[in-house]
Amino acid sequence: MNDEFNPVNNDEILSLNHQDIGRQLNLSSHGFADLQIKAENFVEVIKRRLIVKDSQGQSLFDKGINCQVIKLDAPGWQKGRLRARVVLEFCPDEPELPQ
């Protein structure tokens, strides 16, 4: 089995088992066992389910939320904003054969 994950492009289509993950994200499968969704839409679904905002209403996935960090190379706490990115990666069960 291959353990090399590569980023998924936003325009690529994912096929997910509805029982495993689709139901948890409230995705409609229209009665099918699997659901197909564009990668960029799947990222948006994940973001909606993980709505995180600070007291000023800033979103973790947009402009970032206010926070403080202790960095190893800086003295004390450093104020700033924290932003998260969702990156989808795919690892094929079988490696691609060179053509």
PDB file of N, CA and C in Angstrom:
ATOM      1  N   MET A   1       0.837  -1.176   0.000  1.00  0.00           N
ATOM      2  CA  MET A   1       0.000   0.000   0.000  1.00  0.00           C
ATOM      3  C   MET A   1       0.883   1.241   0.000  1.00  0.00           C
ATOM      4  N   ASN A   2       0.453   2.247  -0.708  1.00  0.00           N
ATOM      5  CA  ASN A   2       1.160   3.509  -0.849  1.00  0.00           C
ATOM      6  C   ASN A   2       0.831   4.417   0.336  1.00  0.00           C
ATOM      7  N   ASP A   3       1.813   5.141   0.868  1.00  0.00           N
ATOM      8  CA  ASP A   3       1.574   6.086   1.959  1.00  0.00           C
ATOM      9  C   ASP A   3       1.898   7.513   1.552  1.00  0.00           C
ATOM     10  N   GLU A   4       1.945   7.781   0.257  1.00  0.00           N
ATOM     11  CA  GLU A   4       2.269   9.117  -0.231  1.00  0.00           C
ATOM     12  C   GLU A   4       0.989   9.880  -0.548  1.00  0.00           C
ATOM     13  N   PHE A   5       0.704  10.890   0.264  1.00  0.00           N
ATOM     14  CA  PHE A   5      -0.484  11.714   0.062  1.00  0.00           C
ATOM     15  C   PHE A   5      -0.120  12.915  -0.801  1.00  0.00           C
ATOM     16  N   ASN A   6      -1.028  13.284  -1.701  1.00  0.00           N
ATOM     17  CA  ASN A   6      -0.850  14.439  -2.565  1.00  0.00           C
ATOM     18  C   ASN A   6      -2.087  15.312  -2.471  1.00  0.00           C
ATOM     19  N   PRO A   7      -1.918  16.641  -2.593  1.00  0.00           N
ATOM     20  CA  PRO A   7      -3.076  17.540  -2.512  1.00  0.00           C
ATOM     21  C   PRO A   7      -4.106  17.227  -3.596  1.00  0.00           C
ATOM     22  N   VAL A   8      -5.367  17.434  -3.234  1.00  0.00           N
ATOM     23  CA  VAL A   8      -6.479  17.279  -4.170  1.00  0.00           C
ATOM     24  C   VAL A   8      -6.807  18.659  -4.722  1.00  0.00           C
ATOM     25  N   ASN A   9      -6.952  18.771  -6.036  1.00  0.00           N
ATOM     26  CA  ASN A   9      -7.316  20.042  -6.658  1.00  0.00           C
ATOM     27  C   ASN A   9      -8.783  20.360  -6.386  1.00  0.00           C
ATOM     28  N   ASN A  10      -9.106  21.648  -6.296  1.00  0.00           N
ATOM     29  CA  ASN A  10     -10.473  22.084  -6.001  1.00  0.00           C
ATOM     30  C   ASN A  10     -11.502  21.559  -6.989  1.00  0.00           C
ATOM     31  N   ASP A  11     -11.125  21.363  -8.249  1.00  0.00           N
ATOM     32  CA  ASP A  11     -12.075  20.938  -9.278  1.00  0.00           C
ATOM     33  C   ASP A  11     -12.260  19.427  -9.341  1.00  0.00           C
ATOM     34  N   GLU A  12     -11.507  18.671  -8.570  1.00  0.00           N
ATOM     35  CA  GLU A  12     -11.628  17.217  -8.612  1.00  0.00           C
ATOM     36  C   GLU A  12     -12.855  16.765  -7.832  1.00  0.00           C
ATOM     37  N   ILE A  13     -13.396  15.626  -8.237  1.00  0.00           N
ATOM     38  CA  ILE A  13     -14.619  15.091  -7.644  1.00  0.00           C
ATOM     39  C   ILE A  13     -14.263  13.979  -6.662  1.00  0.00           C
ATOM     40  N   LEU A  14     -14.863  14.034  -5.480  1.00  0.00           N
ATOM     41  CA  LEU A  14     -14.667  13.022  -4.453  1.00  0.00           C
ATOM     42  C   LEU A  14     -15.898  12.136  -4.401  1.00  0.00           C
ATOM     43  N   SER A  15     -15.716  10.865  -4.158  1.00  0.00           N
ATOM     44  CA  SER A  15     -16.812   9.943  -3.913  1.00  0.00           C
ATOM     45  C   SER A  15     -16.639   9.417  -2.497  1.00  0.00           C
ATOM     46  N   LEU A  16     -17.588   9.740  -1.628  1.00  0.00           N
ATOM     47  CA  LEU A  16     -17.495   9.400  -0.214  1.00  0.00           C
ATOM     48  C   LEU A  16     -18.637   8.482   0.180  1.00  0.00           C
ATOM     49  N   ASN A  17     -18.354   7.569   1.095  1.00  0.00           N
ATOM     50  CA  ASN A  17     -19.394   6.705   1.618  1.00  0.00           C
ATOM     51  C   ASN A  17     -20.276   7.532   2.545  1.00  0.00           C
ATOM     52  N   HIS A  18     -21.565   7.553   2.258  1.00  0.00           N
ATOM     53  CA  HIS A  18     -22.480   8.374   3.049  1.00  0.00           C
ATOM     54  C   HIS A  18     -22.532   7.925   4.499  1.00  0.00           C
ATOM     55  N   GLN A  19     -22.518   6.608   4.751  1.00  0.00           N
ATOM     56  CA  GLN A  19     -22.569   6.095   6.118  1.00  0.00           C
ATOM     57  C   GLN A  19     -21.349   6.551   6.914  1.00  0.00           C
ATOM     58  N   ASP A  20     -20.160   6.514   6.297  1.00  0.00           N
ATOM     59  CA  ASP A  20     -18.921   6.828   7.006  1.00  0.00           C
ATOM     60  C   ASP A  20     -18.784   8.303   7.342  1.00  0.00           C
ATOM     61  N   ILE A  21     -19.009   9.180   6.366  1.00  0.00           N
ATOM     62  CA  ILE A  21     -18.706  10.598   6.580  1.00  0.00           C
ATOM     63  C   ILE A  21     -19.842  11.526   6.179  1.00  0.00           C
ATOM     64  N   GLY A  22     -20.563  11.194   5.135  1.00  0.00           N
ATOM     65  CA  GLY A  22     -21.618  12.080   4.639  1.00  0.00           C
ATOM     66  C   GLY A  22     -22.682  12.387   5.665  1.00  0.00           C
ATOM     67  N   ARG A  23     -23.088  11.395   6.411  1.00  0.00           N
ATOM     68  CA  ARG A  23     -24.122  11.589   7.433  1.00  0.00           C
ATOM     69  C   ARG A  23     -23.631  12.524   8.531  1.00  0.00           C
ATOM     70  N   GLN A  24     -22.363  12.392   8.924  1.00  0.00           N
ATOM     71  CA  GLN A  24     -21.806  13.247   9.979  1.00  0.00           C
ATOM     72  C   GLN A  24     -21.772  14.715   9.574  1.00  0.00           C
ATOM     73  N   LEU A  25     -21.630  14.961   8.277  1.00  0.00           N
ATOM     74  CA  LEU A  25     -21.569  16.334   7.775  1.00  0.00           C
ATOM     75  C   LEU A  25     -22.919  16.834   7.270  1.00  0.00           C
ATOM     76  N   ASN A  26     -23.982  16.050   7.512  1.00  0.00           N
ATOM     77  CA  ASN A  26     -25.334  16.401   7.062  1.00  0.00           C
ATOM     78  C   ASN A  26     -25.419  16.593   5.554  1.00  0.00           C
ATOM     79  N   LEU A  27     -24.700  15.771   4.814  1.00  0.00           N
ATOM     80  CA  LEU A  27     -24.756  15.807   3.359  1.00  0.00           C
ATOM     81  C   LEU A  27     -25.834  14.856   2.878  1.00  0.00           C
ATOM     82  N   SER A  28     -26.633  15.293   1.947  1.00  0.00           N
ATOM     83  CA  SER A  28     -27.703  14.456   1.411  1.00  0.00           C
ATOM     84  C   SER A  28     -27.142  13.513   0.357  1.00  0.00           C
ATOM     85  N   SER A  29     -27.507  12.244   0.457  1.00  0.00           N
ATOM     86  CA  SER A  29     -27.053  11.260  -0.528  1.00  0.00           C
ATOM     87  C   SER A  29     -28.188  10.860  -1.462  1.00  0.00           C
ATOM     88  N   HIS A  30     -29.396  11.413  -1.222  1.00  0.00           N
ATOM     89  CA  HIS A  30     -30.582  11.090  -2.028  1.00  0.00           C
ATOM     90  C   HIS A  30     -30.811   9.581  -2.075  1.00  0.00           C
ATOM     91  N   GLY A  31     -30.518   8.904  -0.969  1.00  0.00           N
ATOM     92  CA  GLY A  31     -30.762   7.474  -0.862  1.00  0.00           C
ATOM     93  C   GLY A  31     -29.640   6.581  -1.374  1.00  0.00           C
ATOM     94  N   PHE A  32     -28.597   7.164  -1.954  1.00  0.00           N
ATOM     95  CA  PHE A  32     -27.485   6.367  -2.475  1.00  0.00           C
ATOM     96  C   PHE A  32     -26.471   6.097  -1.365  1.00  0.00           C
ATOM     97  N   ALA A  33     -25.745   4.987  -1.479  1.00  0.00           N
ATOM     98  CA  ALA A  33     -24.732   4.631  -0.479  1.00  0.00           C
ATOM     99  C   ALA A  33     -23.546   5.583  -0.542  1.00  0.00           C
ATOM    100  N   ASP A  34     -23.190   6.039  -1.739  1.00  0.00           N
ATOM    101  CA  ASP A  34     -22.070   6.964  -1.919  1.00  0.00           C
ATOM    102  C   ASP A  34     -22.593   8.306  -2.391  1.00  0.00           C
ATOM    103  N   LEU A  35     -21.833   9.342  -2.115  1.00  0.00           N
ATOM    104  CA  LEU A  35     -22.179  10.661  -2.637  1.00  0.00           C
ATOM    105  C   LEU A  35     -20.949  11.235  -3.313  1.00  0.00           C
ATOM    106  N   GLN A  36     -21.177  12.000  -4.357  1.00  0.00           N
ATOM    107  CA  GLN A  36     -20.088  12.637  -5.082  1.00  0.00           C
ATOM    108  C   GLN A  36     -20.173  14.137  -4.828  1.00  0.00           C
ATOM    109  N   ILE A  37     -19.006  14.723  -4.578  1.00  0.00           N
ATOM    110  CA  ILE A  37     -18.948  16.148  -4.278  1.00  0.00           C
ATOM    111  C   ILE A  37     -17.625  16.706  -4.781  1.00  0.00           C
ATOM    112  N   LYS A  38     -17.676  17.918  -5.299  1.00  0.00           N
ATOM    113  CA  LYS A  38     -16.478  18.604  -5.758  1.00  0.00           C
ATOM    114  C   LYS A  38     -15.612  18.935  -4.537  1.00  0.00           C
ATOM    115  N   ALA A  39     -14.305  18.807  -4.666  1.00  0.00           N
ATOM    116  CA  ALA A  39     -13.392  19.001  -3.539  1.00  0.00           C
ATOM    117  C   ALA A  39     -13.586  20.359  -2.870  1.00  0.00           C
ATOM    118  N   GLU A  40     -13.718  21.432  -3.663  1.00  0.00           N
ATOM    119  CA  GLU A  40     -13.869  22.758  -3.064  1.00  0.00           C
ATOM    120  C   GLU A  40     -15.176  22.863  -2.282  1.00  0.00           C
ATOM    121  N   ASN A  41     -16.232  22.169  -2.715  1.00  0.00           N
ATOM    122  CA  ASN A  41     -17.489  22.171  -1.983  1.00  0.00           C
ATOM    123  C   ASN A  41     -17.366  21.388  -0.677  1.00  0.00           C
ATOM    124  N   PHE A  42     -16.596  20.302  -0.709  1.00  0.00           N
ATOM    125  CA  PHE A  42     -16.379  19.505   0.500  1.00  0.00           C
ATOM    126  C   PHE A  42     -15.642  20.332   1.554  1.00  0.00           C
ATOM    127  N   VAL A  43     -14.665  21.115   1.128  1.00  0.00           N
ATOM    128  CA  VAL A  43     -13.936  21.989   2.053  1.00  0.00           C
ATOM    129  C   VAL A  43     -14.901  22.988   2.692  1.00  0.00           C
ATOM    130  N   GLU A  44     -15.803  23.565   1.897  1.00  0.00           N
ATOM    131  CA  GLU A  44     -16.775  24.524   2.425  1.00  0.00           C
ATOM    132  C   GLU A  44     -17.710  23.867   3.433  1.00  0.00           C
ATOM    133  N   VAL A  45     -18.111  22.622   3.180  1.00  0.00           N
ATOM    134  CA  VAL A  45     -18.961  21.894   4.118  1.00  0.00           C
ATOM    135  C   VAL A  45     -18.227  21.715   5.447  1.00  0.00           C
ATOM    136  N   ILE A  46     -16.959  21.338   5.385  1.00  0.00           N
ATOM    137  CA  ILE A  46     -16.167  21.157   6.606  1.00  0.00           C
ATOM    138  C   ILE A  46     -16.082  22.474   7.373  1.00  0.00           C
ATOM    139  N   LYS A  47     -15.834  23.564   6.676  1.00  0.00           N
ATOM    140  CA  LYS A  47     -15.744  24.876   7.325  1.00  0.00           C
ATOM    141  C   LYS A  47     -17.058  25.253   8.008  1.00  0.00           C
ATOM    142  N   ARG A  48     -18.186  24.995   7.338  1.00  0.00           N
ATOM    143  CA  ARG A  48     -19.490  25.328   7.925  1.00  0.00           C
ATOM    144  C   ARG A  48     -19.748  24.527   9.198  1.00  0.00           C
ATOM    145  N   ARG A  49     -19.326  23.275   9.204  1.00  0.00           N
ATOM    146  CA  ARG A  49     -19.536  22.432  10.383  1.00  0.00           C
ATOM    147  C   ARG A  49     -18.607  22.831  11.530  1.00  0.00           C
ATOM    148  N   LEU A  50     -17.509  23.487  11.213  1.00  0.00           N
ATOM    149  CA  LEU A  50     -16.528  23.892  12.222  1.00  0.00           C
ATOM    150  C   LEU A  50     -16.515  25.410  12.374  1.00  0.00           C
ATOM    151  N   ILE A  51     -17.683  26.005  12.501  1.00  0.00           N
ATOM    152  CA  ILE A  51     -17.764  27.462  12.630  1.00  0.00           C
ATOM    153  C   ILE A  51     -17.075  27.878  13.924  1.00  0.00           C
ATOM    154  N   VAL A  52     -16.005  28.629  13.786  1.00  0.00           N
ATOM    155  CA  VAL A  52     -15.247  29.116  14.934  1.00  0.00           C
ATOM    156  C   VAL A  52     -15.036  30.608  14.743  1.00  0.00           C
ATOM    157  N   LYS A  53     -15.591  31.394  15.671  1.00  0.00           N
ATOM    158  CA  LYS A  53     -15.451  32.851  15.595  1.00  0.00           C
ATOM    159  C   LYS A  53     -15.016  33.382  16.953  1.00  0.00           C
ATOM    160  N   ASP A  54     -14.269  34.482  16.913  1.00  0.00           N
ATOM    161  CA  ASP A  54     -13.873  35.117  18.173  1.00  0.00           C
ATOM    162  C   ASP A  54     -14.937  36.134  18.597  1.00  0.00           C
ATOM    163  N   SER A  55     -14.669  36.872  19.660  1.00  0.00           N
ATOM    164  CA  SER A  55     -15.659  37.813  20.197  1.00  0.00           C
ATOM    165  C   SER A  55     -15.993  38.949  19.227  1.00  0.00           C
ATOM    166  N   GLN A  56     -15.110  39.234  18.272  1.00  0.00           N
ATOM    167  CA  GLN A  56     -15.387  40.260  17.264  1.00  0.00           C
ATOM    168  C   GLN A  56     -16.066  39.670  16.023  1.00  0.00           C
ATOM    169  N   GLY A  57     -16.328  38.382  16.044  1.00  0.00           N
ATOM    170  CA  GLY A  57     -17.006  37.749  14.910  1.00  0.00           C
ATOM    171  C   GLY A  57     -16.076  37.335  13.784  1.00  0.00           C
ATOM    172  N   GLN A  58     -14.764  37.405  14.015  1.00  0.00           N
ATOM    173  CA  GLN A  58     -13.813  36.990  12.989  1.00  0.00           C
ATOM    174  C   GLN A  58     -13.821  35.468  12.880  1.00  0.00           C
ATOM    175  N   SER A  59     -13.779  34.973  11.655  1.00  0.00           N
ATOM    176  CA  SER A  59     -13.827  33.533  11.419  1.00  0.00           C
ATOM    177  C   SER A  59     -12.425  32.937  11.347  1.00  0.00           C
ATOM    178  N   LEU A  60     -12.276  31.754  11.937  1.00  0.00           N
ATOM    179  CA  LEU A  60     -11.012  31.032  11.912  1.00  0.00           C
ATOM    180  C   LEU A  60     -10.566  30.735  10.482  1.00  0.00           C
ATOM    181  N   PHE A  61     -11.514  30.531   9.560  1.00  0.00           N
ATOM    182  CA  PHE A  61     -11.187  30.154   8.187  1.00  0.00           C
ATOM    183  C   PHE A  61     -11.155  31.342   7.223  1.00  0.00           C
ATOM    184  N   ASP A  62     -11.396  32.559   7.722  1.00  0.00           N
ATOM    185  CA  ASP A  62     -11.427  33.726   6.840  1.00  0.00           C
ATOM    186  C   ASP A  62     -10.258  34.650   7.163  1.00  0.00           C
ATOM    187  N   LYS A  63     -10.506  35.696   7.933  1.00  0.00           N
ATOM    188  CA  LYS A  63      -9.454  36.645   8.287  1.00  0.00           C
ATOM    189  C   LYS A  63      -8.652  36.203   9.499  1.00  0.00           C
ATOM    190  N   GLY A  64      -9.103  35.149  10.151  1.00  0.00           N
ATOM    191  CA  GLY A  64      -8.408  34.663  11.327  1.00  0.00           C
ATOM    192  C   GLY A  64      -9.050  35.177  12.600  1.00  0.00           C
ATOM    193  N   ILE A  65      -8.715  34.541  13.711  1.00  0.00           N
ATOM    194  CA  ILE A  65      -9.235  34.939  15.016  1.00  0.00           C
ATOM    195  C   ILE A  65      -8.094  35.458  15.878  1.00  0.00           C
ATOM    196  N   ASN A  66      -8.421  36.352  16.794  1.00  0.00           N
ATOM    197  CA  ASN A  66      -7.421  36.916  17.690  1.00  0.00           C
ATOM    198  C   ASN A  66      -6.885  35.825  18.609  1.00  0.00           C
ATOM    199  N   CYS A  67      -5.579  35.861  18.825  1.00  0.00           N
ATOM    200  CA  CYS A  67      -4.969  34.884  19.724  1.00  0.00           C
ATOM    201  C   CYS A  67      -3.616  35.414  20.191  1.00  0.00           C
ATOM    202  N   GLN A  68      -2.991  34.646  21.064  1.00  0.00           N
ATOM    203  CA  GLN A  68      -1.634  34.906  21.506  1.00  0.00           C
ATOM    204  C   GLN A  68      -0.844  33.611  21.382  1.00  0.00           C
ATOM    205  N   VAL A  69       0.428  33.749  21.022  1.00  0.00           N
ATOM    206  CA  VAL A  69       1.286  32.582  20.819  1.00  0.00           C
ATOM    207  C   VAL A  69       2.619  32.817  21.518  1.00  0.00           C
ATOM    208  N   ILE A  70       3.114  31.765  22.129  1.00  0.00           N
ATOM    209  CA  ILE A  70       4.501  31.802  22.618  1.00  0.00           C
ATOM    210  C   ILE A  70       5.339  31.120  21.552  1.00  0.00           C
ATOM    211  N   LYS A  71       6.230  31.886  20.938  1.00  0.00           N
ATOM    212  CA  LYS A  71       7.117  31.344  19.921  1.00  0.00           C
ATOM    213  C   LYS A  71       8.460  31.058  20.581  1.00  0.00           C
ATOM    214  N   LEU A  72       9.095  29.998  20.128  1.00  0.00           N
ATOM    215  CA  LEU A  72      10.365  29.584  20.739  1.00  0.00           C
ATOM    216  C   LEU A  72      11.461  30.624  20.592  1.00  0.00           C
ATOM    217  N   ASP A  73      11.432  31.413  19.516  1.00  0.00           N
ATOM    218  CA  ASP A  73      12.507  32.374  19.270  1.00  0.00           C
ATOM    219  C   ASP A  73      12.123  33.807  19.642  1.00  0.00           C
ATOM    220  N   ALA A  74      11.015  33.981  20.393  1.00  0.00           N
ATOM    221  CA  ALA A  74      10.574  35.325  20.775  1.00  0.00           C
ATOM    222  C   ALA A  74      10.341  35.362  22.289  1.00  0.00           C
ATOM    223  N   PRO A  75      10.577  36.534  22.892  1.00  0.00           N
ATOM    224  CA  PRO A  75      10.355  36.646  24.338  1.00  0.00           C
ATOM    225  C   PRO A  75       8.868  36.832  24.654  1.00  0.00           C
ATOM    226  N   GLY A  76       8.305  35.973  25.468  1.00  0.00           N
ATOM    227  CA  GLY A  76       6.929  36.142  25.939  1.00  0.00           C
ATOM    228  C   GLY A  76       5.865  35.890  24.882  1.00  0.00           C
ATOM    229  N   TRP A  77       4.671  36.306  25.236  1.00  0.00           N
ATOM    230  CA  TRP A  77       3.516  36.114  24.365  1.00  0.00           C
ATOM    231  C   TRP A  77       3.526  37.115  23.221  1.00  0.00           C
ATOM    232  N   GLN A  78       3.123  36.666  22.055  1.00  0.00           N
ATOM    233  CA  GLN A  78       3.019  37.533  20.886  1.00  0.00           C
ATOM    234  C   GLN A  78       1.561  37.550  20.442  1.00  0.00           C
ATOM    235  N   LYS A  79       0.967  38.756  20.365  1.00  0.00           N
ATOM    236  CA  LYS A  79      -0.428  38.894  19.949  1.00  0.00           C
ATOM    237  C   LYS A  79      -0.520  38.858  18.432  1.00  0.00           C
ATOM    238  N   GLY A  80      -1.632  38.321  17.943  1.00  0.00           N
ATOM    239  CA  GLY A  80      -1.851  38.286  16.498  1.00  0.00           C
ATOM    240  C   GLY A  80      -3.156  37.578  16.176  1.00  0.00           C
ATOM    241  N   ARG A  81      -3.222  37.030  14.986  1.00  0.00           N
ATOM    242  CA  ARG A  81      -4.413  36.301  14.543  1.00  0.00           C
ATOM    243  C   ARG A  81      -4.003  34.907  14.093  1.00  0.00           C
ATOM    244  N   LEU A  82      -4.925  33.989  14.273  1.00  0.00           N
ATOM    245  CA  LEU A  82      -4.730  32.604  13.870  1.00  0.00           C
ATOM    246  C   LEU A  82      -5.726  32.280  12.764  1.00  0.00           C
ATOM    247  N   ARG A  83      -5.225  31.725  11.668  1.00  0.00           N
ATOM    248  CA  ARG A  83      -6.095  31.347  10.556  1.00  0.00           C
ATOM    249  C   ARG A  83      -5.832  29.885  10.215  1.00  0.00           C
ATOM    250  N   ALA A  84      -6.903  29.169   9.913  1.00  0.00           N
ATOM    251  CA  ALA A  84      -6.799  27.753   9.541  1.00  0.00           C
ATOM    252  C   ALA A  84      -7.115  27.581   8.065  1.00  0.00           C
ATOM    253  N   ARG A  85      -6.473  26.623   7.463  1.00  0.00           N
ATOM    254  CA  ARG A  85      -6.723  26.242   6.073  1.00  0.00           C
ATOM    255  C   ARG A  85      -7.066  24.764   6.055  1.00  0.00           C
ATOM    256  N   VAL A  86      -8.025  24.390   5.231  1.00  0.00           N
ATOM    257  CA  VAL A  86      -8.366  22.984   5.064  1.00  0.00           C
ATOM    258  C   VAL A  86      -7.707  22.514   3.776  1.00  0.00           C
ATOM    259  N   VAL A  87      -6.865  21.493   3.883  1.00  0.00           N
ATOM    260  CA  VAL A  87      -6.180  20.933   2.723  1.00  0.00           C
ATOM    261  C   VAL A  87      -6.588  19.466   2.602  1.00  0.00           C
ATOM    262  N   LEU A  88      -7.145  19.113   1.455  1.00  0.00           N
ATOM    263  CA  LEU A  88      -7.504  17.726   1.201  1.00  0.00           C
ATOM    264  C   LEU A  88      -6.346  17.051   0.489  1.00  0.00           C
ATOM    265  N   GLU A  89      -5.967  15.861   0.970  1.00  0.00           N
ATOM    266  CA  GLU A  89      -4.906  15.087   0.343  1.00  0.00           C
ATOM    267  C   GLU A  89      -5.423  13.690   0.049  1.00  0.00           C
ATOM    268  N   PHE A  90      -4.894  13.088  -1.004  1.00  0.00           N
ATOM    269  CA  PHE A  90      -5.335  11.770  -1.443  1.00  0.00           C
ATOM    270  C   PHE A  90      -4.130  10.850  -1.575  1.00  0.00           C
ATOM    271  N   CYS A  91      -4.301   9.610  -1.125  1.00  0.00           N
ATOM    272  CA  CYS A  91      -3.268   8.590  -1.246  1.00  0.00           C
ATOM    273  C   CYS A  91      -3.889   7.388  -1.954  1.00  0.00           C
ATOM    274  N   PRO A  92      -3.504   7.105  -3.200  1.00  0.00           N
ATOM    275  CA  PRO A  92      -4.088   5.959  -3.899  1.00  0.00           C
ATOM    276  C   PRO A  92      -3.670   4.645  -3.257  1.00  0.00           C
ATOM    277  N   ASP A  93      -4.582   3.665  -3.280  1.00  0.00           N
ATOM    278  CA  ASP A  93      -4.263   2.341  -2.739  1.00  0.00           C
ATOM    279  C   ASP A  93      -3.124   1.695  -3.528  1.00  0.00           C
ATOM    280  N   GLU A  94      -3.138   1.905  -4.827  1.00  0.00           N
ATOM    281  CA  GLU A  94      -2.100   1.362  -5.711  1.00  0.00           C
ATOM    282  C   GLU A  94      -1.355   2.530  -6.347  1.00  0.00           C
ATOM    283  N   PRO A  95      -0.035   2.535  -6.306  1.00  0.00           N
ATOM    284  CA  PRO A  95       0.698   3.622  -6.956  1.00  0.00           C
ATOM    285  C   PRO A  95       0.493   3.576  -8.469  1.00  0.00           C
ATOM    286  N   GLU A  96       0.517   4.784  -9.061  1.00  0.00           N
ATOM    287  CA  GLU A  96       0.357   4.856 -10.508  1.00  0.00           C
ATOM    288  C   GLU A  96       1.591   4.286 -11.190  1.00  0.00           C
ATOM    289  N   LEU A  97       1.346   3.534 -12.240  1.00  0.00           N
ATOM    290  CA  LEU A  97       2.450   2.959 -13.006  1.00  0.00           C
ATOM    291  C   LEU A  97       2.905   3.950 -14.066  1.00  0.00           C
ATOM    292  N   PRO A  98       4.221   4.076 -14.270  1.00  0.00           N
ATOM    293  CA  PRO A  98       4.702   4.988 -15.310  1.00  0.00           C
ATOM    294  C   PRO A  98       4.255   4.500 -16.690  1.00  0.00           C
ATOM    295  N   GLN A  99       3.920   5.454 -17.550  1.00  0.00           N
ATOM    296  CA  GLN A  99       3.444   5.086 -18.892  1.00  0.00           C
ATOM    297  C   GLN A  99       4.561   5.083 -19.891  1.00  0.00           C
TER     298      GLN A  99
END
